[in-house]
Amino acid sequence: MAVALRDGKLDNLPVSEAELKLLEFIKVLTNHAFLIDDSIVAGLREVGWTDPQIAEAVYIGSFFNMMVRIADAFHAEPPPVTDVEGVPAAVGAG
């Protein structure tokens, strides 16, 4: 699931319709926040998300986006042990 999320492939994830809508919303927030309008928020409400939950998704998504931009600006690379495909053999050996 982590690889699918990393690659933005949201089809066939083992999540509910509501969770999928929220993930799609966060993808829009990340890539094209200016496109978010009342109809998108209404779609989240229709599948059960409340306004406080939607706001929290915006805060958390925005925070993570900010942290990624900062890390990118400083060329910070995560340690290999955090790779979504598992710990590389070179790191795990020994």
PDB file of N, CA and C in Angstrom:
ATOM      1  N   MET A   1       0.817  -1.182   0.000  1.00  0.00           N
ATOM      2  CA  MET A   1       0.000   0.000   0.000  1.00  0.00           C
ATOM      3  C   MET A   1       0.869   1.257   0.000  1.00  0.00           C
ATOM      4  N   ALA A   2       1.985   1.221   0.721  1.00  0.00           N
ATOM      5  CA  ALA A   2       2.859   2.404   0.778  1.00  0.00           C
ATOM      6  C   ALA A   2       3.409   2.759  -0.597  1.00  0.00           C
ATOM      7  N   VAL A   3       3.748   1.759  -1.394  1.00  0.00           N
ATOM      8  CA  VAL A   3       4.274   2.017  -2.734  1.00  0.00           C
ATOM      9  C   VAL A   3       3.192   2.664  -3.599  1.00  0.00           C
ATOM     10  N   ALA A   4       1.965   2.151  -3.509  1.00  0.00           N
ATOM     11  CA  ALA A   4       0.852   2.719  -4.287  1.00  0.00           C
ATOM     12  C   ALA A   4       0.616   4.172  -3.891  1.00  0.00           C
ATOM     13  N   LEU A   5       0.642   4.460  -2.604  1.00  0.00           N
ATOM     14  CA  LEU A   5       0.449   5.835  -2.146  1.00  0.00           C
ATOM     15  C   LEU A   5       1.588   6.728  -2.602  1.00  0.00           C
ATOM     16  N   ARG A   6       2.813   6.225  -2.486  1.00  0.00           N
ATOM     17  CA  ARG A   6       3.983   7.008  -2.918  1.00  0.00           C
ATOM     18  C   ARG A   6       3.891   7.357  -4.395  1.00  0.00           C
ATOM     19  N   ASP A   7       3.440   6.391  -5.186  1.00  0.00           N
ATOM     20  CA  ASP A   7       3.376   6.577  -6.634  1.00  0.00           C
ATOM     21  C   ASP A   7       2.085   7.246  -7.088  1.00  0.00           C
ATOM     22  N   GLY A   8       1.177   7.539  -6.150  1.00  0.00           N
ATOM     23  CA  GLY A   8      -0.072   8.196  -6.494  1.00  0.00           C
ATOM     24  C   GLY A   8      -1.065   7.301  -7.206  1.00  0.00           C
ATOM     25  N   LYS A   9      -0.910   5.989  -7.066  1.00  0.00           N
ATOM     26  CA  LYS A   9      -1.811   5.027  -7.704  1.00  0.00           C
ATOM     27  C   LYS A   9      -2.884   4.625  -6.690  1.00  0.00           C
ATOM     28  N   LEU A  10      -3.989   5.337  -6.721  1.00  0.00           N
ATOM     29  CA  LEU A  10      -5.020   5.143  -5.709  1.00  0.00           C
ATOM     30  C   LEU A  10      -6.044   4.076  -6.081  1.00  0.00           C
ATOM     31  N   ASP A  11      -5.999   3.583  -7.309  1.00  0.00           N
ATOM     32  CA  ASP A  11      -6.938   2.542  -7.717  1.00  0.00           C
ATOM     33  C   ASP A  11      -6.621   1.243  -6.996  1.00  0.00           C
ATOM     34  N   ASN A  12      -7.652   0.531  -6.610  1.00  0.00           N
ATOM     35  CA  ASN A  12      -7.536  -0.798  -6.001  1.00  0.00           C
ATOM     36  C   ASN A  12      -6.854  -0.815  -4.639  1.00  0.00           C
ATOM     37  N   LEU A  13      -6.825   0.306  -3.947  1.00  0.00           N
ATOM     38  CA  LEU A  13      -6.307   0.298  -2.574  1.00  0.00           C
ATOM     39  C   LEU A  13      -7.353  -0.322  -1.650  1.00  0.00           C
ATOM     40  N   PRO A  14      -6.927  -1.021  -0.625  1.00  0.00           N
ATOM     41  CA  PRO A  14      -7.882  -1.621   0.307  1.00  0.00           C
ATOM     42  C   PRO A  14      -8.412  -0.586   1.314  1.00  0.00           C
ATOM     43  N   VAL A  15      -9.116   0.429   0.795  1.00  0.00           N
ATOM     44  CA  VAL A  15      -9.663   1.486   1.645  1.00  0.00           C
ATOM     45  C   VAL A  15     -11.123   1.705   1.288  1.00  0.00           C
ATOM     46  N   SER A  16     -11.838   2.346   2.180  1.00  0.00           N
ATOM     47  CA  SER A  16     -13.250   2.638   1.942  1.00  0.00           C
ATOM     48  C   SER A  16     -13.390   3.743   0.894  1.00  0.00           C
ATOM     49  N   GLU A  17     -14.610   3.907   0.401  1.00  0.00           N
ATOM     50  CA  GLU A  17     -14.884   4.988  -0.557  1.00  0.00           C
ATOM     51  C   GLU A  17     -14.567   6.344   0.058  1.00  0.00           C
ATOM     52  N   ALA A  18     -14.918   6.514   1.335  1.00  0.00           N
ATOM     53  CA  ALA A  18     -14.657   7.785   2.019  1.00  0.00           C
ATOM     54  C   ALA A  18     -13.157   8.052   2.126  1.00  0.00           C
ATOM     55  N   GLU A  19     -12.390   7.019   2.468  1.00  0.00           N
ATOM     56  CA  GLU A  19     -10.940   7.188   2.577  1.00  0.00           C
ATOM     57  C   GLU A  19     -10.320   7.489   1.213  1.00  0.00           C
ATOM     58  N   LEU A  20     -10.818   6.834   0.172  1.00  0.00           N
ATOM     59  CA  LEU A  20     -10.312   7.093  -1.179  1.00  0.00           C
ATOM     60  C   LEU A  20     -10.594   8.530  -1.591  1.00  0.00           C
ATOM     61  N   LYS A  21     -11.799   9.028  -1.290  1.00  0.00           N
ATOM     62  CA  LYS A  21     -12.130  10.429  -1.598  1.00  0.00           C
ATOM     63  C   LYS A  21     -11.185  11.378  -0.876  1.00  0.00           C
ATOM     64  N   LEU A  22     -10.868  11.069   0.372  1.00  0.00           N
ATOM     65  CA  LEU A  22      -9.967  11.929   1.144  1.00  0.00           C
ATOM     66  C   LEU A  22      -8.550  11.901   0.554  1.00  0.00           C
ATOM     67  N   LEU A  23      -8.089  10.720   0.146  1.00  0.00           N
ATOM     68  CA  LEU A  23      -6.771  10.617  -0.485  1.00  0.00           C
ATOM     69  C   LEU A  23      -6.730  11.406  -1.797  1.00  0.00           C
ATOM     70  N   GLU A  24      -7.805  11.322  -2.569  1.00  0.00           N
ATOM     71  CA  GLU A  24      -7.881  12.098  -3.813  1.00  0.00           C
ATOM     72  C   GLU A  24      -7.858  13.601  -3.516  1.00  0.00           C
ATOM     73  N   PHE A  25      -8.543  13.991  -2.445  1.00  0.00           N
ATOM     74  CA  PHE A  25      -8.563  15.389  -2.021  1.00  0.00           C
ATOM     75  C   PHE A  25      -7.150  15.860  -1.664  1.00  0.00           C
ATOM     76  N   ILE A  26      -6.419  15.045  -0.918  1.00  0.00           N
ATOM     77  CA  ILE A  26      -5.056  15.405  -0.520  1.00  0.00           C
ATOM     78  C   ILE A  26      -4.148  15.487  -1.743  1.00  0.00           C
ATOM     79  N   LYS A  27      -4.393  14.628  -2.733  1.00  0.00           N
ATOM     80  CA  LYS A  27      -3.616  14.703  -3.977  1.00  0.00           C
ATOM     81  C   LYS A  27      -3.852  16.045  -4.674  1.00  0.00           C
ATOM     82  N   VAL A  28      -5.106  16.486  -4.717  1.00  0.00           N
ATOM     83  CA  VAL A  28      -5.410  17.800  -5.302  1.00  0.00           C
ATOM     84  C   VAL A  28      -4.762  18.907  -4.464  1.00  0.00           C
ATOM     85  N   LEU A  29      -4.860  18.797  -3.145  1.00  0.00           N
ATOM     86  CA  LEU A  29      -4.237  19.782  -2.254  1.00  0.00           C
ATOM     87  C   LEU A  29      -2.740  19.890  -2.537  1.00  0.00           C
ATOM     88  N   THR A  30      -2.101  18.764  -2.743  1.00  0.00           N
ATOM     89  CA  THR A  30      -0.658  18.724  -2.971  1.00  0.00           C
ATOM     90  C   THR A  30      -0.274  19.291  -4.326  1.00  0.00           C
ATOM     91  N   ASN A  31      -1.025  18.925  -5.359  1.00  0.00           N
ATOM     92  CA  ASN A  31      -0.628  19.280  -6.720  1.00  0.00           C
ATOM     93  C   ASN A  31      -1.281  20.544  -7.270  1.00  0.00           C
ATOM     94  N   HIS A  32      -2.519  20.813  -6.863  1.00  0.00           N
ATOM     95  CA  HIS A  32      -3.269  21.931  -7.436  1.00  0.00           C
ATOM     96  C   HIS A  32      -4.239  22.507  -6.409  1.00  0.00           C
ATOM     97  N   ALA A  33      -3.745  22.975  -5.290  1.00  0.00           N
ATOM     98  CA  ALA A  33      -4.616  23.455  -4.209  1.00  0.00           C
ATOM     99  C   ALA A  33      -5.593  24.525  -4.681  1.00  0.00           C
ATOM    100  N   PHE A  34      -5.201  25.305  -5.664  1.00  0.00           N
ATOM    101  CA  PHE A  34      -6.070  26.373  -6.154  1.00  0.00           C
ATOM    102  C   PHE A  34      -7.348  25.832  -6.799  1.00  0.00           C
ATOM    103  N   LEU A  35      -7.378  24.542  -7.122  1.00  0.00           N
ATOM    104  CA  LEU A  35      -8.574  23.951  -7.734  1.00  0.00           C
ATOM    105  C   LEU A  35      -9.632  23.530  -6.712  1.00  0.00           C
ATOM    106  N   ILE A  36      -9.280  23.529  -5.439  1.00  0.00           N
ATOM    107  CA  ILE A  36     -10.236  23.107  -4.416  1.00  0.00           C
ATOM    108  C   ILE A  36     -11.346  24.147  -4.327  1.00  0.00           C
ATOM    109  N   ASP A  37     -12.578  23.670  -4.467  1.00  0.00           N
ATOM    110  CA  ASP A  37     -13.729  24.561  -4.388  1.00  0.00           C
ATOM    111  C   ASP A  37     -14.832  23.889  -3.569  1.00  0.00           C
ATOM    112  N   ASP A  38     -15.965  24.568  -3.472  1.00  0.00           N
ATOM    113  CA  ASP A  38     -17.071  24.057  -2.652  1.00  0.00           C
ATOM    114  C   ASP A  38     -17.551  22.693  -3.110  1.00  0.00           C
ATOM    115  N   SER A  39     -17.512  22.416  -4.417  1.00  0.00           N
ATOM    116  CA  SER A  39     -18.010  21.128  -4.902  1.00  0.00           C
ATOM    117  C   SER A  39     -17.125  19.970  -4.439  1.00  0.00           C
ATOM    118  N   ILE A  40     -15.829  20.204  -4.364  1.00  0.00           N
ATOM    119  CA  ILE A  40     -14.918  19.154  -3.884  1.00  0.00           C
ATOM    120  C   ILE A  40     -15.163  18.890  -2.401  1.00  0.00           C
ATOM    121  N   VAL A  41     -15.312  19.945  -1.633  1.00  0.00           N
ATOM    122  CA  VAL A  41     -15.586  19.794  -0.195  1.00  0.00           C
ATOM    123  C   VAL A  41     -16.947  19.130   0.010  1.00  0.00           C
ATOM    124  N   ALA A  42     -17.925  19.481  -0.800  1.00  0.00           N
ATOM    125  CA  ALA A  42     -19.253  18.863  -0.707  1.00  0.00           C
ATOM    126  C   ALA A  42     -19.159  17.370  -0.977  1.00  0.00           C
ATOM    127  N   GLY A  43     -18.295  16.974  -1.909  1.00  0.00           N
ATOM    128  CA  GLY A  43     -18.107  15.553  -2.191  1.00  0.00           C
ATOM    129  C   GLY A  43     -17.555  14.802  -0.999  1.00  0.00           C
ATOM    130  N   LEU A  44     -16.692  15.447  -0.229  1.00  0.00           N
ATOM    131  CA  LEU A  44     -16.170  14.822   0.994  1.00  0.00           C
ATOM    132  C   LEU A  44     -17.274  14.692   2.044  1.00  0.00           C
ATOM    133  N   ARG A  45     -18.088  15.717   2.153  1.00  0.00           N
ATOM    134  CA  ARG A  45     -19.203  15.666   3.107  1.00  0.00           C
ATOM    135  C   ARG A  45     -20.176  14.547   2.740  1.00  0.00           C
ATOM    136  N   GLU A  46     -20.416  14.365   1.442  1.00  0.00           N
ATOM    137  CA  GLU A  46     -21.368  13.346   0.985  1.00  0.00           C
ATOM    138  C   GLU A  46     -20.957  11.925   1.381  1.00  0.00           C
ATOM    139  N   VAL A  47     -19.666  11.681   1.511  1.00  0.00           N
ATOM    140  CA  VAL A  47     -19.210  10.341   1.909  1.00  0.00           C
ATOM    141  C   VAL A  47     -18.940  10.244   3.408  1.00  0.00           C
ATOM    142  N   GLY A  48     -19.315  11.312   4.157  1.00  0.00           N
ATOM    143  CA  GLY A  48     -19.282  11.211   5.612  1.00  0.00           C
ATOM    144  C   GLY A  48     -18.250  12.021   6.359  1.00  0.00           C
ATOM    145  N   TRP A  49     -17.373  12.726   5.660  1.00  0.00           N
ATOM    146  CA  TRP A  49     -16.384  13.534   6.367  1.00  0.00           C
ATOM    147  C   TRP A  49     -17.034  14.803   6.903  1.00  0.00           C
ATOM    148  N   THR A  50     -16.668  15.164   8.114  1.00  0.00           N
ATOM    149  CA  THR A  50     -17.193  16.383   8.732  1.00  0.00           C
ATOM    150  C   THR A  50     -16.265  17.555   8.420  1.00  0.00           C
ATOM    151  N   ASP A  51     -16.784  18.759   8.613  1.00  0.00           N
ATOM    152  CA  ASP A  51     -15.955  19.942   8.357  1.00  0.00           C
ATOM    153  C   ASP A  51     -14.677  19.955   9.203  1.00  0.00           C
ATOM    154  N   PRO A  52     -14.742  19.620  10.508  1.00  0.00           N
ATOM    155  CA  PRO A  52     -13.497  19.577  11.277  1.00  0.00           C
ATOM    156  C   PRO A  52     -12.511  18.533  10.741  1.00  0.00           C
ATOM    157  N   GLN A  53     -13.006  17.391  10.269  1.00  0.00           N
ATOM    158  CA  GLN A  53     -12.114  16.367   9.708  1.00  0.00           C
ATOM    159  C   GLN A  53     -11.484  16.838   8.403  1.00  0.00           C
ATOM    160  N   ILE A  54     -12.269  17.511   7.585  1.00  0.00           N
ATOM    161  CA  ILE A  54     -11.746  18.049   6.323  1.00  0.00           C
ATOM    162  C   ILE A  54     -10.684  19.110   6.614  1.00  0.00           C
ATOM    163  N   ALA A  55     -10.963  19.976   7.565  1.00  0.00           N
ATOM    164  CA  ALA A  55      -9.988  21.006   7.946  1.00  0.00           C
ATOM    165  C   ALA A  55      -8.710  20.360   8.462  1.00  0.00           C
ATOM    166  N   GLU A  56      -8.836  19.323   9.275  1.00  0.00           N
ATOM    167  CA  GLU A  56      -7.654  18.636   9.797  1.00  0.00           C
ATOM    168  C   GLU A  56      -6.849  18.014   8.654  1.00  0.00           C
ATOM    169  N   ALA A  57      -7.521  17.453   7.663  1.00  0.00           N
ATOM    170  CA  ALA A  57      -6.824  16.893   6.498  1.00  0.00           C
ATOM    171  C   ALA A  57      -6.042  17.981   5.773  1.00  0.00           C
ATOM    172  N   VAL A  58      -6.628  19.168   5.655  1.00  0.00           N
ATOM    173  CA  VAL A  58      -5.933  20.290   5.013  1.00  0.00           C
ATOM    174  C   VAL A  58      -4.707  20.683   5.831  1.00  0.00           C
ATOM    175  N   TYR A  59      -4.865  20.791   7.152  1.00  0.00           N
ATOM    176  CA  TYR A  59      -3.738  21.193   7.999  1.00  0.00           C
ATOM    177  C   TYR A  59      -2.604  20.176   7.910  1.00  0.00           C
ATOM    178  N   ILE A  60      -2.943  18.901   8.054  1.00  0.00           N
ATOM    179  CA  ILE A  60      -1.911  17.857   8.046  1.00  0.00           C
ATOM    180  C   ILE A  60      -1.283  17.741   6.661  1.00  0.00           C
ATOM    181  N   GLY A  61      -2.106  17.725   5.615  1.00  0.00           N
ATOM    182  CA  GLY A  61      -1.568  17.647   4.258  1.00  0.00           C
ATOM    183  C   GLY A  61      -0.668  18.825   3.933  1.00  0.00           C
ATOM    184  N   SER A  62      -1.087  20.016   4.314  1.00  0.00           N
ATOM    185  CA  SER A  62      -0.283  21.216   4.065  1.00  0.00           C
ATOM    186  C   SER A  62       1.022  21.181   4.840  1.00  0.00           C
ATOM    187  N   PHE A  63       0.963  20.720   6.085  1.00  0.00           N
ATOM    188  CA  PHE A  63       2.172  20.628   6.899  1.00  0.00           C
ATOM    189  C   PHE A  63       3.174  19.671   6.258  1.00  0.00           C
ATOM    190  N   PHE A  64       2.706  18.498   5.848  1.00  0.00           N
ATOM    191  CA  PHE A  64       3.613  17.540   5.221  1.00  0.00           C
ATOM    192  C   PHE A  64       4.169  18.088   3.909  1.00  0.00           C
ATOM    193  N   ASN A  65       3.338  18.780   3.144  1.00  0.00           N
ATOM    194  CA  ASN A  65       3.821  19.392   1.906  1.00  0.00           C
ATOM    195  C   ASN A  65       4.922  20.410   2.205  1.00  0.00           C
ATOM    196  N   MET A  66       4.719  21.209   3.240  1.00  0.00           N
ATOM    197  CA  MET A  66       5.728  22.192   3.616  1.00  0.00           C
ATOM    198  C   MET A  66       7.036  21.500   4.009  1.00  0.00           C
ATOM    199  N   MET A  67       6.937  20.450   4.796  1.00  0.00           N
ATOM    200  CA  MET A  67       8.144  19.747   5.244  1.00  0.00           C
ATOM    201  C   MET A  67       8.885  19.121   4.066  1.00  0.00           C
ATOM    202  N   VAL A  68       8.149  18.588   3.110  1.00  0.00           N
ATOM    203  CA  VAL A  68       8.775  18.008   1.923  1.00  0.00           C
ATOM    204  C   VAL A  68       9.493  19.093   1.129  1.00  0.00           C
ATOM    205  N   ARG A  69       8.875  20.262   0.980  1.00  0.00           N
ATOM    206  CA  ARG A  69       9.516  21.355   0.243  1.00  0.00           C
ATOM    207  C   ARG A  69      10.804  21.801   0.930  1.00  0.00           C
ATOM    208  N   ILE A  70      10.775  21.886   2.251  1.00  0.00           N
ATOM    209  CA  ILE A  70      11.977  22.266   3.000  1.00  0.00           C
ATOM    210  C   ILE A  70      13.067  21.212   2.820  1.00  0.00           C
ATOM    211  N   ALA A  71      12.699  19.945   2.962  1.00  0.00           N
ATOM    212  CA  ALA A  71      13.675  18.865   2.789  1.00  0.00           C
ATOM    213  C   ALA A  71      14.246  18.882   1.378  1.00  0.00           C
ATOM    214  N   ASP A  72      13.386  19.104   0.383  1.00  0.00           N
ATOM    215  CA  ASP A  72      13.861  19.175  -1.001  1.00  0.00           C
ATOM    216  C   ASP A  72      14.833  20.341  -1.197  1.00  0.00           C
ATOM    217  N   ALA A  73      14.516  21.490  -0.603  1.00  0.00           N
ATOM    218  CA  ALA A  73      15.368  22.670  -0.759  1.00  0.00           C
ATOM    219  C   ALA A  73      16.767  22.439  -0.192  1.00  0.00           C
ATOM    220  N   PHE A  74      16.854  21.640   0.875  1.00  0.00           N
ATOM    221  CA  PHE A  74      18.145  21.347   1.490  1.00  0.00           C
ATOM    222  C   PHE A  74      18.736  20.028   1.004  1.00  0.00           C
ATOM    223  N   HIS A  75      18.073  19.424   0.019  1.00  0.00           N
ATOM    224  CA  HIS A  75      18.516  18.138  -0.544  1.00  0.00           C
ATOM    225  C   HIS A  75      18.669  17.077   0.535  1.00  0.00           C
ATOM    226  N   ALA A  76      17.766  17.102   1.493  1.00  0.00           N
ATOM    227  CA  ALA A  76      17.791  16.108   2.560  1.00  0.00           C
ATOM    228  C   ALA A  76      17.227  14.797   2.029  1.00  0.00           C
ATOM    229  N   GLU A  77      17.931  13.727   2.243  1.00  0.00           N
ATOM    230  CA  GLU A  77      17.495  12.408   1.795  1.00  0.00           C
ATOM    231  C   GLU A  77      17.176  11.553   3.024  1.00  0.00           C
ATOM    232  N   PRO A  78      16.077  10.808   2.968  1.00  0.00           N
ATOM    233  CA  PRO A  78      15.762   9.945   4.104  1.00  0.00           C
ATOM    234  C   PRO A  78      16.757   8.789   4.185  1.00  0.00           C
ATOM    235  N   PRO A  79      16.938   8.253   5.375  1.00  0.00           N
ATOM    236  CA  PRO A  79      17.848   7.108   5.493  1.00  0.00           C
ATOM    237  C   PRO A  79      17.273   5.907   4.736  1.00  0.00           C
ATOM    238  N   PRO A  80      18.121   5.045   4.213  1.00  0.00           N
ATOM    239  CA  PRO A  80      17.645   3.909   3.421  1.00  0.00           C
ATOM    240  C   PRO A  80      16.656   3.005   4.156  1.00  0.00           C
ATOM    241  N   VAL A  81      16.725   2.967   5.480  1.00  0.00           N
ATOM    242  CA  VAL A  81      15.826   2.080   6.221  1.00  0.00           C
ATOM    243  C   VAL A  81      14.367   2.510   6.114  1.00  0.00           C
ATOM    244  N   THR A  82      14.100   3.723   5.623  1.00  0.00           N
ATOM    245  CA  THR A  82      12.724   4.179   5.495  1.00  0.00           C
ATOM    246  C   THR A  82      12.146   3.899   4.112  1.00  0.00           C
ATOM    247  N   ASP A  83      12.892   3.213   3.260  1.00  0.00           N
ATOM    248  CA  ASP A  83      12.414   2.890   1.915  1.00  0.00           C
ATOM    249  C   ASP A  83      11.156   2.042   2.008  1.00  0.00           C
ATOM    250  N   VAL A  84      10.137   2.403   1.219  1.00  0.00           N
ATOM    251  CA  VAL A  84       8.862   1.692   1.285  1.00  0.00           C
ATOM    252  C   VAL A  84       8.951   0.259   0.805  1.00  0.00           C
ATOM    253  N   GLU A  85      10.015  -0.073   0.093  1.00  0.00           N
ATOM    254  CA  GLU A  85      10.172  -1.443  -0.393  1.00  0.00           C
ATOM    255  C   GLU A  85      10.972  -2.298   0.593  1.00  0.00           C
ATOM    256  N   GLY A  86      11.237  -1.769   1.770  1.00  0.00           N
ATOM    257  CA  GLY A  86      11.934  -2.529   2.793  1.00  0.00           C
ATOM    258  C   GLY A  86      13.358  -2.069   2.979  1.00  0.00           C
ATOM    259  N   VAL A  87      13.980  -2.601   3.979  1.00  0.00           N
ATOM    260  CA  VAL A  87      15.360  -2.245   4.293  1.00  0.00           C
ATOM    261  C   VAL A  87      16.264  -2.872   3.242  1.00  0.00           C
ATOM    262  N   PRO A  88      17.093  -2.046   2.584  1.00  0.00           N
ATOM    263  CA  PRO A  88      18.028  -2.605   1.599  1.00  0.00           C
ATOM    264  C   PRO A  88      18.949  -3.638   2.244  1.00  0.00           C
ATOM    265  N   ALA A  89      19.320  -4.636   1.490  1.00  0.00           N
ATOM    266  CA  ALA A  89      20.161  -5.721   2.015  1.00  0.00           C
ATOM    267  C   ALA A  89      21.448  -5.187   2.607  1.00  0.00           C
ATOM    268  N   ALA A  90      22.035  -4.156   1.986  1.00  0.00           N
ATOM    269  CA  ALA A  90      23.309  -3.606   2.485  1.00  0.00           C
ATOM    270  C   ALA A  90      23.142  -3.011   3.871  1.00  0.00           C
ATOM    271  N   VAL A  91      21.979  -2.472   4.166  1.00  0.00           N
ATOM    272  CA  VAL A  91      21.744  -1.883   5.488  1.00  0.00           C
ATOM    273  C   VAL A  91      21.380  -2.962   6.495  1.00  0.00           C
ATOM    274  N   GLY A  92      20.604  -3.937   6.063  1.00  0.00           N
ATOM    275  CA  GLY A  92      20.143  -5.000   6.963  1.00  0.00           C
ATOM    276  C   GLY A  92      21.199  -6.005   7.323  1.00  0.00           C
ATOM    277  N   ALA A  93      22.238  -6.096   6.513  1.00  0.00           N
ATOM    278  CA  ALA A  93      23.294  -7.091   6.771  1.00  0.00           C
ATOM    279  C   ALA A  93      24.200  -6.607   7.894  1.00  0.00           C
ATOM    280  N   GLY A  94      24.624  -7.543   8.660  1.00  0.00           N
ATOM    281  CA  GLY A  94      25.670  -7.167   9.537  1.00  0.00           C
ATOM    282  C   GLY A  94      25.467  -7.223  10.957  1.00  0.00           C
TER     283      GLY A  94
END
